[in-house]
Structure formats: structure tokens, C-alpha cells
Amino acid sequence: MTAVASKMEDLTIDIREEIYVRAPLDVTFESLLEQLGPLNEVDTGRAMPMKLEAWPGGRWFRDFGEGNGHFWGSVQAIKRPTLLEICGPLFMSTRLHRICSTGSRKKKAAH
């Protein structure tokens, strides 16, 4: 039997990280945009540059060139230098999508 969430709170994840920086807020915010964009790295320190269009509706994505890439999310809201909200699939990729979308092991997952 599969458990089904009955309330919106059961479907919501709130992830927070606090980092204290000795720099003006506007400099810190611009550094955050760079870190989420062209200076992005995976946890092993390997470069994984992203594109972040820092305006409402802007995309956050990996650009592989020639029209190829991986969409991570959209800028929901931005209020420089205090707020950046990104919504979308974020780091969820094929494996998680396959688990969430198939509903049955008999169905073939799309790739």
C-alpha cells in the first residue's frame, strides 16, 4: 500500500542555509548571482556553469550549446539585494521524475 499525502504541508520542503558574510549586502547578492550562474560548481569542486537570467520570469539552466541544456527553474521574484526566489524542477532529473510519474511499475517511464 502506498501512503498518500493529504495536506499541502506534507508536500512542501523548506530548505534553508545561513551563511554570514563580511561584505555589503549588494556585493553579497551579486556574488550569489555569480555563484548560481557562471561560477557554479558541483560538490567535488568541478565547474558546472549555469545561466541565470536575473529578472522575473528569467530562466536558470545549464547551457550545453547548440540549443541543448537542462532547465532547472524560473526566477519567481527578485528584489535586489534582499530576495531571489527560484521555482521549478530545480535539481530533480530523470530518476526522480520516473519515480513520481509512473505510478505503477508496469508502466514504461519516458526518457
PDB file of N, CA and C in Angstrom:
ATOM      1  N   MET A   1       0.842  -1.184   0.000  1.00  0.00           N
ATOM      2  CA  MET A   1       0.000   0.000   0.000  1.00  0.00           C
ATOM      3  C   MET A   1       0.885   1.244   0.000  1.00  0.00           C
ATOM      4  N   THR A   2       0.515   2.241  -0.772  1.00  0.00           N
ATOM      5  CA  THR A   2       1.271   3.473  -0.869  1.00  0.00           C
ATOM      6  C   THR A   2       0.598   4.564  -0.050  1.00  0.00           C
ATOM      7  N   ALA A   3       1.388   5.274   0.768  1.00  0.00           N
ATOM      8  CA  ALA A   3       0.860   6.387   1.547  1.00  0.00           C
ATOM      9  C   ALA A   3       0.668   7.594   0.637  1.00  0.00           C
ATOM     10  N   VAL A   4      -0.428   8.303   0.819  1.00  0.00           N
ATOM     11  CA  VAL A   4      -0.722   9.488   0.021  1.00  0.00           C
ATOM     12  C   VAL A   4      -0.805  10.686   0.956  1.00  0.00           C
ATOM     13  N   ALA A   5      -0.086  11.759   0.611  1.00  0.00           N
ATOM     14  CA  ALA A   5      -0.124  12.969   1.426  1.00  0.00           C
ATOM     15  C   ALA A   5      -1.496  13.603   1.324  1.00  0.00           C
ATOM     16  N   SER A   6      -2.031  14.012   2.480  1.00  0.00           N
ATOM     17  CA  SER A   6      -3.377  14.577   2.489  1.00  0.00           C
ATOM     18  C   SER A   6      -3.389  16.088   2.664  1.00  0.00           C
ATOM     19  N   LYS A   7      -2.268  16.691   3.058  1.00  0.00           N
ATOM     20  CA  LYS A   7      -2.207  18.130   3.261  1.00  0.00           C
ATOM     21  C   LYS A   7      -1.058  18.722   2.454  1.00  0.00           C
ATOM     22  N   MET A   8      -1.194  19.978   2.070  1.00  0.00           N
ATOM     23  CA  MET A   8      -0.152  20.657   1.317  1.00  0.00           C
ATOM     24  C   MET A   8       1.156  20.692   2.108  1.00  0.00           C
ATOM     25  N   GLU A   9       1.086  20.831   3.416  1.00  0.00           N
ATOM     26  CA  GLU A   9       2.285  20.865   4.246  1.00  0.00           C
ATOM     27  C   GLU A   9       3.092  19.571   4.114  1.00  0.00           C
ATOM     28  N   ASP A  10       2.423  18.457   3.824  1.00  0.00           N
ATOM     29  CA  ASP A  10       3.114  17.182   3.663  1.00  0.00           C
ATOM     30  C   ASP A  10       3.851  17.098   2.331  1.00  0.00           C
ATOM     31  N   LEU A  11       3.565  18.014   1.409  1.00  0.00           N
ATOM     32  CA  LEU A  11       4.176  18.009   0.083  1.00  0.00           C
ATOM     33  C   LEU A  11       5.226  19.100  -0.086  1.00  0.00           C
ATOM     34  N   THR A  12       5.479  19.874   0.964  1.00  0.00           N
ATOM     35  CA  THR A  12       6.349  21.028   0.883  1.00  0.00           C
ATOM     36  C   THR A  12       7.682  20.756   1.567  1.00  0.00           C
ATOM     37  N   ILE A  13       8.770  21.170   0.927  1.00  0.00           N
ATOM     38  CA  ILE A  13      10.101  21.078   1.513  1.00  0.00           C
ATOM     39  C   ILE A  13      10.627  22.499   1.656  1.00  0.00           C
ATOM     40  N   ASP A  14      11.112  22.824   2.825  1.00  0.00           N
ATOM     41  CA  ASP A  14      11.693  24.133   3.083  1.00  0.00           C
ATOM     42  C   ASP A  14      13.167  23.924   3.408  1.00  0.00           C
ATOM     43  N   ILE A  15      14.035  24.348   2.507  1.00  0.00           N
ATOM     44  CA  ILE A  15      15.475  24.185   2.690  1.00  0.00           C
ATOM     45  C   ILE A  15      16.076  25.568   2.909  1.00  0.00           C
ATOM     46  N   ARG A  16      16.828  25.702   3.971  1.00  0.00           N
ATOM     47  CA  ARG A  16      17.462  26.984   4.283  1.00  0.00           C
ATOM     48  C   ARG A  16      18.924  26.766   4.619  1.00  0.00           C
ATOM     49  N   GLU A  17      19.736  27.736   4.254  1.00  0.00           N
ATOM     50  CA  GLU A  17      21.138  27.739   4.635  1.00  0.00           C
ATOM     51  C   GLU A  17      21.506  29.176   4.971  1.00  0.00           C
ATOM     52  N   GLU A  18      22.107  29.380   6.113  1.00  0.00           N
ATOM     53  CA  GLU A  18      22.530  30.706   6.519  1.00  0.00           C
ATOM     54  C   GLU A  18      24.041  30.771   6.496  1.00  0.00           C
ATOM     55  N   ILE A  19      24.562  31.758   5.800  1.00  0.00           N
ATOM     56  CA  ILE A  19      25.994  31.994   5.730  1.00  0.00           C
ATOM     57  C   ILE A  19      26.229  33.459   6.083  1.00  0.00           C
ATOM     58  N   TYR A  20      27.078  33.707   7.043  1.00  0.00           N
ATOM     59  CA  TYR A  20      27.375  35.070   7.460  1.00  0.00           C
ATOM     60  C   TYR A  20      28.597  35.568   6.695  1.00  0.00           C
ATOM     61  N   VAL A  21      28.460  36.743   6.072  1.00  0.00           N
ATOM     62  CA  VAL A  21      29.479  37.284   5.186  1.00  0.00           C
ATOM     63  C   VAL A  21      29.840  38.688   5.650  1.00  0.00           C
ATOM     64  N   ARG A  22      31.124  38.975   5.638  1.00  0.00           N
ATOM     65  CA  ARG A  22      31.579  40.330   5.978  1.00  0.00           C
ATOM     66  C   ARG A  22      31.738  41.134   4.696  1.00  0.00           C
ATOM     67  N   ALA A  23      30.621  41.552   4.140  1.00  0.00           N
ATOM     68  CA  ALA A  23      30.608  42.357   2.912  1.00  0.00           C
ATOM     69  C   ALA A  23      29.264  43.079   2.859  1.00  0.00           C
ATOM     70  N   PRO A  24      29.192  44.183   2.147  1.00  0.00           N
ATOM     71  CA  PRO A  24      27.905  44.871   1.988  1.00  0.00           C
ATOM     72  C   PRO A  24      26.882  43.949   1.324  1.00  0.00           C
ATOM     73  N   LEU A  25      25.619  44.165   1.644  1.00  0.00           N
ATOM     74  CA  LEU A  25      24.543  43.317   1.140  1.00  0.00           C
ATOM     75  C   LEU A  25      24.504  43.281  -0.388  1.00  0.00           C
ATOM     76  N   ASP A  26      24.678  44.419  -1.053  1.00  0.00           N
ATOM     77  CA  ASP A  26      24.607  44.429  -2.516  1.00  0.00           C
ATOM     78  C   ASP A  26      25.753  43.632  -3.147  1.00  0.00           C
ATOM     79  N   VAL A  27      26.937  43.683  -2.559  1.00  0.00           N
ATOM     80  CA  VAL A  27      28.072  42.904  -3.069  1.00  0.00           C
ATOM     81  C   VAL A  27      27.815  41.415  -2.843  1.00  0.00           C
ATOM     82  N   THR A  28      27.282  41.071  -1.682  1.00  0.00           N
ATOM     83  CA  THR A  28      26.963  39.679  -1.370  1.00  0.00           C
ATOM     84  C   THR A  28      25.922  39.125  -2.331  1.00  0.00           C
ATOM     85  N   PHE A  29      24.892  39.912  -2.626  1.00  0.00           N
ATOM     86  CA  PHE A  29      23.830  39.481  -3.525  1.00  0.00           C
ATOM     87  C   PHE A  29      24.372  39.233  -4.932  1.00  0.00           C
ATOM     88  N   GLU A  30      25.181  40.136  -5.433  1.00  0.00           N
ATOM     89  CA  GLU A  30      25.768  39.963  -6.767  1.00  0.00           C
ATOM     90  C   GLU A  30      26.693  38.740  -6.799  1.00  0.00           C
ATOM     91  N   SER A  31      27.397  38.495  -5.707  1.00  0.00           N
ATOM     92  CA  SER A  31      28.251  37.302  -5.624  1.00  0.00           C
ATOM     93  C   SER A  31      27.415  36.027  -5.650  1.00  0.00           C
ATOM     94  N   LEU A  32      26.249  36.064  -4.998  1.00  0.00           N
ATOM     95  CA  LEU A  32      25.334  34.925  -5.021  1.00  0.00           C
ATOM     96  C   LEU A  32      24.865  34.644  -6.449  1.00  0.00           C
ATOM     97  N   LEU A  33      24.523  35.695  -7.188  1.00  0.00           N
ATOM     98  CA  LEU A  33      24.094  35.521  -8.577  1.00  0.00           C
ATOM     99  C   LEU A  33      25.211  34.899  -9.423  1.00  0.00           C
ATOM    100  N   GLU A  34      26.450  35.309  -9.181  1.00  0.00           N
ATOM    101  CA  GLU A  34      27.576  34.728  -9.914  1.00  0.00           C
ATOM    102  C   GLU A  34      27.775  33.263  -9.529  1.00  0.00           C
ATOM    103  N   GLN A  35      27.619  32.964  -8.229  1.00  0.00           N
ATOM    104  CA  GLN A  35      27.806  31.595  -7.769  1.00  0.00           C
ATOM    105  C   GLN A  35      26.728  30.667  -8.320  1.00  0.00           C
ATOM    106  N   LEU A  36      25.515  31.152  -8.474  1.00  0.00           N
ATOM    107  CA  LEU A  36      24.433  30.357  -9.060  1.00  0.00           C
ATOM    108  C   LEU A  36      24.519  30.310 -10.584  1.00  0.00           C
ATOM    109  N   GLY A  37      25.302  31.193 -11.141  1.00  0.00           N
ATOM    110  CA  GLY A  37      25.427  31.283 -12.596  1.00  0.00           C
ATOM    111  C   GLY A  37      26.757  30.753 -13.100  1.00  0.00           C
ATOM    112  N   PRO A  38      27.596  31.624 -13.667  1.00  0.00           N
ATOM    113  CA  PRO A  38      28.809  31.160 -14.346  1.00  0.00           C
ATOM    114  C   PRO A  38      29.867  30.543 -13.433  1.00  0.00           C
ATOM    115  N   LEU A  39      29.837  30.833 -12.143  1.00  0.00           N
ATOM    116  CA  LEU A  39      30.841  30.288 -11.223  1.00  0.00           C
ATOM    117  C   LEU A  39      30.345  29.060 -10.463  1.00  0.00           C
ATOM    118  N   ASN A  40      29.196  28.516 -10.847  1.00  0.00           N
ATOM    119  CA  ASN A  40      28.619  27.358 -10.154  1.00  0.00           C
ATOM    120  C   ASN A  40      29.554  26.154 -10.232  1.00  0.00           C
ATOM    121  N   GLU A  41      29.593  25.379  -9.139  1.00  0.00           N
ATOM    122  CA  GLU A  41      30.405  24.162  -9.070  1.00  0.00           C
ATOM    123  C   GLU A  41      29.588  23.053  -8.440  1.00  0.00           C
ATOM    124  N   VAL A  42      29.933  21.808  -8.759  1.00  0.00           N
ATOM    125  CA  VAL A  42      29.353  20.664  -8.050  1.00  0.00           C
ATOM    126  C   VAL A  42      30.143  20.487  -6.758  1.00  0.00           C
ATOM    127  N   ASP A  43      29.653  19.633  -5.873  1.00  0.00           N
ATOM    128  CA  ASP A  43      30.270  19.496  -4.549  1.00  0.00           C
ATOM    129  C   ASP A  43      31.716  19.013  -4.590  1.00  0.00           C
ATOM    130  N   THR A  44      32.157  18.459  -5.682  1.00  0.00           N
ATOM    131  CA  THR A  44      33.538  18.000  -5.798  1.00  0.00           C
ATOM    132  C   THR A  44      34.480  19.110  -6.254  1.00  0.00           C
ATOM    133  N   GLY A  45      33.951  20.318  -6.469  1.00  0.00           N
ATOM    134  CA  GLY A  45      34.764  21.437  -6.922  1.00  0.00           C
ATOM    135  C   GLY A  45      34.888  21.534  -8.432  1.00  0.00           C
ATOM    136  N   ARG A  46      34.215  20.621  -9.151  1.00  0.00           N
ATOM    137  CA  ARG A  46      34.242  20.640 -10.612  1.00  0.00           C
ATOM    138  C   ARG A  46      33.288  21.727 -11.112  1.00  0.00           C
ATOM    139  N   ALA A  47      33.715  22.494 -12.096  1.00  0.00           N
ATOM    140  CA  ALA A  47      32.890  23.573 -12.648  1.00  0.00           C
ATOM    141  C   ALA A  47      31.625  23.011 -13.282  1.00  0.00           C
ATOM    142  N   MET A  48      30.499  23.653 -12.997  1.00  0.00           N
ATOM    143  CA  MET A  48      29.232  23.333 -13.640  1.00  0.00           C
ATOM    144  C   MET A  48      28.511  24.661 -13.893  1.00  0.00           C
ATOM    145  N   PRO A  49      29.032  25.453 -14.840  1.00  0.00           N
ATOM    146  CA  PRO A  49      28.463  26.782 -15.068  1.00  0.00           C
ATOM    147  C   PRO A  49      26.995  26.726 -15.476  1.00  0.00           C
ATOM    148  N   MET A  50      26.248  27.675 -14.958  1.00  0.00           N
ATOM    149  CA  MET A  50      24.820  27.796 -15.230  1.00  0.00           C
ATOM    150  C   MET A  50      24.558  29.177 -15.832  1.00  0.00           C
ATOM    151  N   LYS A  51      23.382  29.335 -16.379  1.00  0.00           N
ATOM    152  CA  LYS A  51      22.902  30.639 -16.836  1.00  0.00           C
ATOM    153  C   LYS A  51      21.769  31.037 -15.899  1.00  0.00           C
ATOM    154  N   LEU A  52      21.837  32.235 -15.373  1.00  0.00           N
ATOM    155  CA  LEU A  52      20.766  32.759 -14.518  1.00  0.00           C
ATOM    156  C   LEU A  52      20.351  34.108 -15.073  1.00  0.00           C
ATOM    157  N   GLU A  53      19.143  34.167 -15.603  1.00  0.00           N
ATOM    158  CA  GLU A  53      18.576  35.419 -16.104  1.00  0.00           C
ATOM    159  C   GLU A  53      17.893  36.089 -14.916  1.00  0.00           C
ATOM    160  N   ALA A  54      18.582  37.064 -14.342  1.00  0.00           N
ATOM    161  CA  ALA A  54      18.176  37.643 -13.057  1.00  0.00           C
ATOM    162  C   ALA A  54      17.094  38.710 -13.206  1.00  0.00           C
ATOM    163  N   TRP A  55      15.914  38.276 -13.637  1.00  0.00           N
ATOM    164  CA  TRP A  55      14.722  39.126 -13.705  1.00  0.00           C
ATOM    165  C   TRP A  55      13.509  38.224 -13.551  1.00  0.00           C
ATOM    166  N   PRO A  56      12.348  38.767 -13.155  1.00  0.00           N
ATOM    167  CA  PRO A  56      11.146  37.926 -13.002  1.00  0.00           C
ATOM    168  C   PRO A  56      10.835  37.184 -14.304  1.00  0.00           C
ATOM    169  N   GLY A  57      10.659  35.878 -14.196  1.00  0.00           N
ATOM    170  CA  GLY A  57      10.416  35.045 -15.362  1.00  0.00           C
ATOM    171  C   GLY A  57      11.684  34.538 -16.019  1.00  0.00           C
ATOM    172  N   GLY A  58      12.844  35.011 -15.545  1.00  0.00           N
ATOM    173  CA  GLY A  58      14.113  34.576 -16.111  1.00  0.00           C
ATOM    174  C   GLY A  58      14.372  33.098 -15.838  1.00  0.00           C
ATOM    175  N   ARG A  59      15.142  32.474 -16.713  1.00  0.00           N
ATOM    176  CA  ARG A  59      15.436  31.047 -16.584  1.00  0.00           C
ATOM    177  C   ARG A  59      16.728  30.836 -15.808  1.00  0.00           C
ATOM    178  N   TRP A  60      16.805  29.676 -15.143  1.00  0.00           N
ATOM    179  CA  TRP A  60      18.035  29.200 -14.525  1.00  0.00           C
ATOM    180  C   TRP A  60      18.298  27.837 -15.147  1.00  0.00           C
ATOM    181  N   PHE A  61      19.381  27.717 -15.917  1.00  0.00           N
ATOM    182  CA  PHE A  61      19.566  26.499 -16.693  1.00  0.00           C
ATOM    183  C   PHE A  61      21.036  26.243 -17.006  1.00  0.00           C
ATOM    184  N   ARG A  62      21.339  25.004 -17.362  1.00  0.00           N
ATOM    185  CA  ARG A  62      22.654  24.636 -17.886  1.00  0.00           C
ATOM    186  C   ARG A  62      22.564  24.736 -19.396  1.00  0.00           C
ATOM    187  N   ASP A  63      23.513  25.407 -19.985  1.00  0.00           N
ATOM    188  CA  ASP A  63      23.545  25.597 -21.431  1.00  0.00           C
ATOM    189  C   ASP A  63      24.650  24.728 -22.009  1.00  0.00           C
ATOM    190  N   PHE A  64      24.264  23.687 -22.753  1.00  0.00           N
ATOM    191  CA  PHE A  64      25.241  22.792 -23.372  1.00  0.00           C
ATOM    192  C   PHE A  64      25.620  23.256 -24.777  1.00  0.00           C
ATOM    193  N   GLY A  65      25.005  24.336 -25.249  1.00  0.00           N
ATOM    194  CA  GLY A  65      25.278  24.848 -26.587  1.00  0.00           C
ATOM    195  C   GLY A  65      24.403  24.183 -27.633  1.00  0.00           C
ATOM    196  N   GLU A  66      24.294  24.809 -28.776  1.00  0.00           N
ATOM    197  CA  GLU A  66      23.521  24.313 -29.914  1.00  0.00           C
ATOM    198  C   GLU A  66      22.069  23.981 -29.550  1.00  0.00           C
ATOM    199  N   GLY A  67      21.481  24.774 -28.660  1.00  0.00           N
ATOM    200  CA  GLY A  67      20.085  24.566 -28.270  1.00  0.00           C
ATOM    201  C   GLY A  67      19.864  23.446 -27.274  1.00  0.00           C
ATOM    202  N   ASN A  68      20.924  22.897 -26.712  1.00  0.00           N
ATOM    203  CA  ASN A  68      20.814  21.815 -25.742  1.00  0.00           C
ATOM    204  C   ASN A  68      21.058  22.346 -24.337  1.00  0.00           C
ATOM    205  N   GLY A  69      20.449  21.704 -23.344  1.00  0.00           N
ATOM    206  CA  GLY A  69      20.666  22.124 -21.970  1.00  0.00           C
ATOM    207  C   GLY A  69      19.726  21.420 -21.018  1.00  0.00           C
ATOM    208  N   HIS A  70      19.696  21.902 -19.801  1.00  0.00           N
ATOM    209  CA  HIS A  70      18.873  21.332 -18.751  1.00  0.00           C
ATOM    210  C   HIS A  70      18.245  22.470 -17.961  1.00  0.00           C
ATOM    211  N   PHE A  71      16.928  22.583 -18.004  1.00  0.00           N
ATOM    212  CA  PHE A  71      16.194  23.634 -17.291  1.00  0.00           C
ATOM    213  C   PHE A  71      16.093  23.287 -15.817  1.00  0.00           C
ATOM    214  N   TRP A  72      16.503  24.214 -14.957  1.00  0.00           N
ATOM    215  CA  TRP A  72      16.440  23.988 -13.514  1.00  0.00           C
ATOM    216  C   TRP A  72      15.314  24.774 -12.864  1.00  0.00           C
ATOM    217  N   GLY A  73      14.961  25.938 -13.362  1.00  0.00           N
ATOM    218  CA  GLY A  73      13.899  26.706 -12.724  1.00  0.00           C
ATOM    219  C   GLY A  73      13.730  28.073 -13.351  1.00  0.00           C
ATOM    220  N   SER A  74      12.762  28.806 -12.790  1.00  0.00           N
ATOM    221  CA  SER A  74      12.464  30.176 -13.225  1.00  0.00           C
ATOM    222  C   SER A  74      12.559  31.114 -12.034  1.00  0.00           C
ATOM    223  N   VAL A  75      12.982  32.334 -12.313  1.00  0.00           N
ATOM    224  CA  VAL A  75      13.009  33.350 -11.268  1.00  0.00           C
ATOM    225  C   VAL A  75      11.569  33.763 -10.988  1.00  0.00           C
ATOM    226  N   GLN A  76      11.094  33.430  -9.819  1.00  0.00           N
ATOM    227  CA  GLN A  76       9.734  33.768  -9.401  1.00  0.00           C
ATOM    228  C   GLN A  76       9.674  35.233  -8.965  1.00  0.00           C
ATOM    229  N   ALA A  77      10.691  35.637  -8.197  1.00  0.00           N
ATOM    230  CA  ALA A  77      10.743  37.013  -7.703  1.00  0.00           C
ATOM    231  C   ALA A  77      12.195  37.397  -7.466  1.00  0.00           C
ATOM    232  N   ILE A  78      12.473  38.660  -7.693  1.00  0.00           N
ATOM    233  CA  ILE A  78      13.799  39.189  -7.380  1.00  0.00           C
ATOM    234  C   ILE A  78      13.618  40.615  -6.901  1.00  0.00           C
ATOM    235  N   LYS A  79      14.180  40.915  -5.744  1.00  0.00           N
ATOM    236  CA  LYS A  79      14.183  42.267  -5.174  1.00  0.00           C
ATOM    237  C   LYS A  79      15.602  42.514  -4.683  1.00  0.00           C
ATOM    238  N   ARG A  80      16.413  43.076  -5.566  1.00  0.00           N
ATOM    239  CA  ARG A  80      17.815  43.320  -5.223  1.00  0.00           C
ATOM    240  C   ARG A  80      17.911  44.299  -4.067  1.00  0.00           C
ATOM    241  N   PRO A  81      18.717  44.079  -3.103  1.00  0.00           N
ATOM    242  CA  PRO A  81      19.630  42.968  -2.907  1.00  0.00           C
ATOM    243  C   PRO A  81      19.173  42.010  -1.803  1.00  0.00           C
ATOM    244  N   THR A  82      17.869  41.826  -1.645  1.00  0.00           N
ATOM    245  CA  THR A  82      17.417  41.043  -0.489  1.00  0.00           C
ATOM    246  C   THR A  82      16.671  39.759  -0.811  1.00  0.00           C
ATOM    247  N   LEU A  83      16.202  39.566  -2.051  1.00  0.00           N
ATOM    248  CA  LEU A  83      15.354  38.417  -2.325  1.00  0.00           C
ATOM    249  C   LEU A  83      15.611  37.848  -3.717  1.00  0.00           C
ATOM    250  N   LEU A  84      15.751  36.524  -3.773  1.00  0.00           N
ATOM    251  CA  LEU A  84      15.789  35.795  -5.029  1.00  0.00           C
ATOM    252  C   LEU A  84      15.008  34.512  -4.806  1.00  0.00           C
ATOM    253  N   GLU A  85      13.884  34.366  -5.506  1.00  0.00           N
ATOM    254  CA  GLU A  85      13.077  33.148  -5.410  1.00  0.00           C
ATOM    255  C   GLU A  85      13.119  32.443  -6.753  1.00  0.00           C
ATOM    256  N   ILE A  86      13.468  31.157  -6.710  1.00  0.00           N
ATOM    257  CA  ILE A  86      13.506  30.346  -7.924  1.00  0.00           C
ATOM    258  C   ILE A  86      12.555  29.179  -7.731  1.00  0.00           C
ATOM    259  N   CYS A  87      11.684  28.954  -8.707  1.00  0.00           N
ATOM    260  CA  CYS A  87      10.770  27.814  -8.630  1.00  0.00           C
ATOM    261  C   CYS A  87      10.952  26.966  -9.879  1.00  0.00           C
ATOM    262  N   GLY A  88      10.561  25.713  -9.767  1.00  0.00           N
ATOM    263  CA  GLY A  88      10.682  24.813 -10.910  1.00  0.00           C
ATOM    264  C   GLY A  88      11.193  23.462 -10.487  1.00  0.00           C
ATOM    265  N   PRO A  89      11.637  22.672 -11.452  1.00  0.00           N
ATOM    266  CA  PRO A  89      12.096  21.325 -11.114  1.00  0.00           C
ATOM    267  C   PRO A  89      13.400  21.324 -10.327  1.00  0.00           C
ATOM    268  N   LEU A  90      14.153  22.425 -10.348  1.00  0.00           N
ATOM    269  CA  LEU A  90      15.453  22.554  -9.694  1.00  0.00           C
ATOM    270  C   LEU A  90      16.342  21.379 -10.046  1.00  0.00           C
ATOM    271  N   PHE A  91      16.895  20.688  -9.088  1.00  0.00           N
ATOM    272  CA  PHE A  91      17.851  19.629  -9.394  1.00  0.00           C
ATOM    273  C   PHE A  91      17.193  18.301  -9.707  1.00  0.00           C
ATOM    274  N   MET A  92      15.881  18.234  -9.706  1.00  0.00           N
ATOM    275  CA  MET A  92      15.202  16.973  -9.984  1.00  0.00           C
ATOM    276  C   MET A  92      15.402  16.597 -11.444  1.00  0.00           C
ATOM    277  N   SER A  93      15.793  15.367 -11.658  1.00  0.00           N
ATOM    278  CA  SER A  93      16.092  14.930 -13.012  1.00  0.00           C
ATOM    279  C   SER A  93      15.313  13.664 -13.324  1.00  0.00           C
ATOM    280  N   THR A  94      15.751  12.940 -14.314  1.00  0.00           N
ATOM    281  CA  THR A  94      15.015  11.790 -14.830  1.00  0.00           C
ATOM    282  C   THR A  94      14.654  10.765 -13.767  1.00  0.00           C
ATOM    283  N   ARG A  95      15.585  10.400 -12.927  1.00  0.00           N
ATOM    284  CA  ARG A  95      15.324   9.355 -11.935  1.00  0.00           C
ATOM    285  C   ARG A  95      14.147   9.716 -11.039  1.00  0.00           C
ATOM    286  N   LEU A  96      14.152  10.924 -10.459  1.00  0.00           N
ATOM    287  CA  LEU A  96      13.061  11.315  -9.585  1.00  0.00           C
ATOM    288  C   LEU A  96      11.767  11.459 -10.373  1.00  0.00           C
ATOM    289  N   HIS A  97      11.855  12.021 -11.570  1.00  0.00           N
ATOM    290  CA  HIS A  97      10.657  12.160 -12.399  1.00  0.00           C
ATOM    291  C   HIS A  97      10.060  10.790 -12.684  1.00  0.00           C
ATOM    292  N   ARG A  98      10.901   9.803 -12.940  1.00  0.00           N
ATOM    293  CA  ARG A  98      10.422   8.455 -13.226  1.00  0.00           C
ATOM    294  C   ARG A  98       9.676   7.895 -12.010  1.00  0.00           C
ATOM    295  N   ILE A  99      10.203   8.119 -10.817  1.00  0.00           N
ATOM    296  CA  ILE A  99       9.560   7.625  -9.603  1.00  0.00           C
ATOM    297  C   ILE A  99       8.213   8.312  -9.390  1.00  0.00           C
ATOM    298  N   CYS A 100       8.168   9.620  -9.618  1.00  0.00           N
ATOM    299  CA  CYS A 100       6.952  10.382  -9.352  1.00  0.00           C
ATOM    300  C   CYS A 100       5.879  10.187 -10.413  1.00  0.00           C
ATOM    301  N   SER A 101       6.279   9.938 -11.654  1.00  0.00           N
ATOM    302  CA  SER A 101       5.300   9.992 -12.727  1.00  0.00           C
ATOM    303  C   SER A 101       4.751   8.631 -13.161  1.00  0.00           C
ATOM    304  N   THR A 102       5.423   7.538 -12.838  1.00  0.00           N
ATOM    305  CA  THR A 102       4.973   6.272 -13.383  1.00  0.00           C
ATOM    306  C   THR A 102       3.739   5.746 -12.671  1.00  0.00           C
ATOM    307  N   GLY A 103       3.708   5.840 -11.349  1.00  0.00           N
ATOM    308  CA  GLY A 103       2.538   5.374 -10.606  1.00  0.00           C
ATOM    309  C   GLY A 103       2.431   3.866 -10.533  1.00  0.00           C
ATOM    310  N   SER A 104       3.017   3.152 -11.455  1.00  0.00           N
ATOM    311  CA  SER A 104       2.966   1.705 -11.491  1.00  0.00           C
ATOM    312  C   SER A 104       4.250   1.189 -12.094  1.00  0.00           C
ATOM    313  N   ARG A 105       4.731   0.102 -11.580  1.00  0.00           N
ATOM    314  CA  ARG A 105       5.967  -0.467 -12.130  1.00  0.00           C
ATOM    315  C   ARG A 105       5.746  -1.061 -13.498  1.00  0.00           C
ATOM    316  N   LYS A 106       4.507  -1.290 -13.878  1.00  0.00           N
ATOM    317  CA  LYS A 106       4.209  -1.884 -15.181  1.00  0.00           C
ATOM    318  C   LYS A 106       4.308  -0.851 -16.301  1.00  0.00           C
ATOM    319  N   LYS A 107       4.170   0.428 -15.961  1.00  0.00           N
ATOM    320  CA  LYS A 107       4.252   1.477 -16.978  1.00  0.00           C
ATOM    321  C   LYS A 107       5.705   1.752 -17.325  1.00  0.00           C
ATOM    322  N   LYS A 108       5.956   2.057 -18.583  1.00  0.00           N
ATOM    323  CA  LYS A 108       7.306   2.402 -19.007  1.00  0.00           C
ATOM    324  C   LYS A 108       7.501   3.901 -18.833  1.00  0.00           C
ATOM    325  N   ALA A 109       8.599   4.300 -18.189  1.00  0.00           N
ATOM    326  CA  ALA A 109       8.867   5.711 -17.964  1.00  0.00           C
ATOM    327  C   ALA A 109       9.449   6.338 -19.218  1.00  0.00           C
ATOM    328  N   ALA A 110       9.065   7.566 -19.486  1.00  0.00           N
ATOM    329  CA  ALA A 110       9.614   8.303 -20.625  1.00  0.00           C
ATOM    330  C   ALA A 110      11.001   8.802 -20.260  1.00  0.00           C
ATOM    331  N   HIS A 111      11.881   8.823 -21.252  1.00  0.00           N
ATOM    332  CA  HIS A 111      13.255   9.306 -21.020  1.00  0.00           C
ATOM    333  C   HIS A 111      13.405  10.675 -21.620  1.00  0.00           C
TER     334      HIS A 111
END
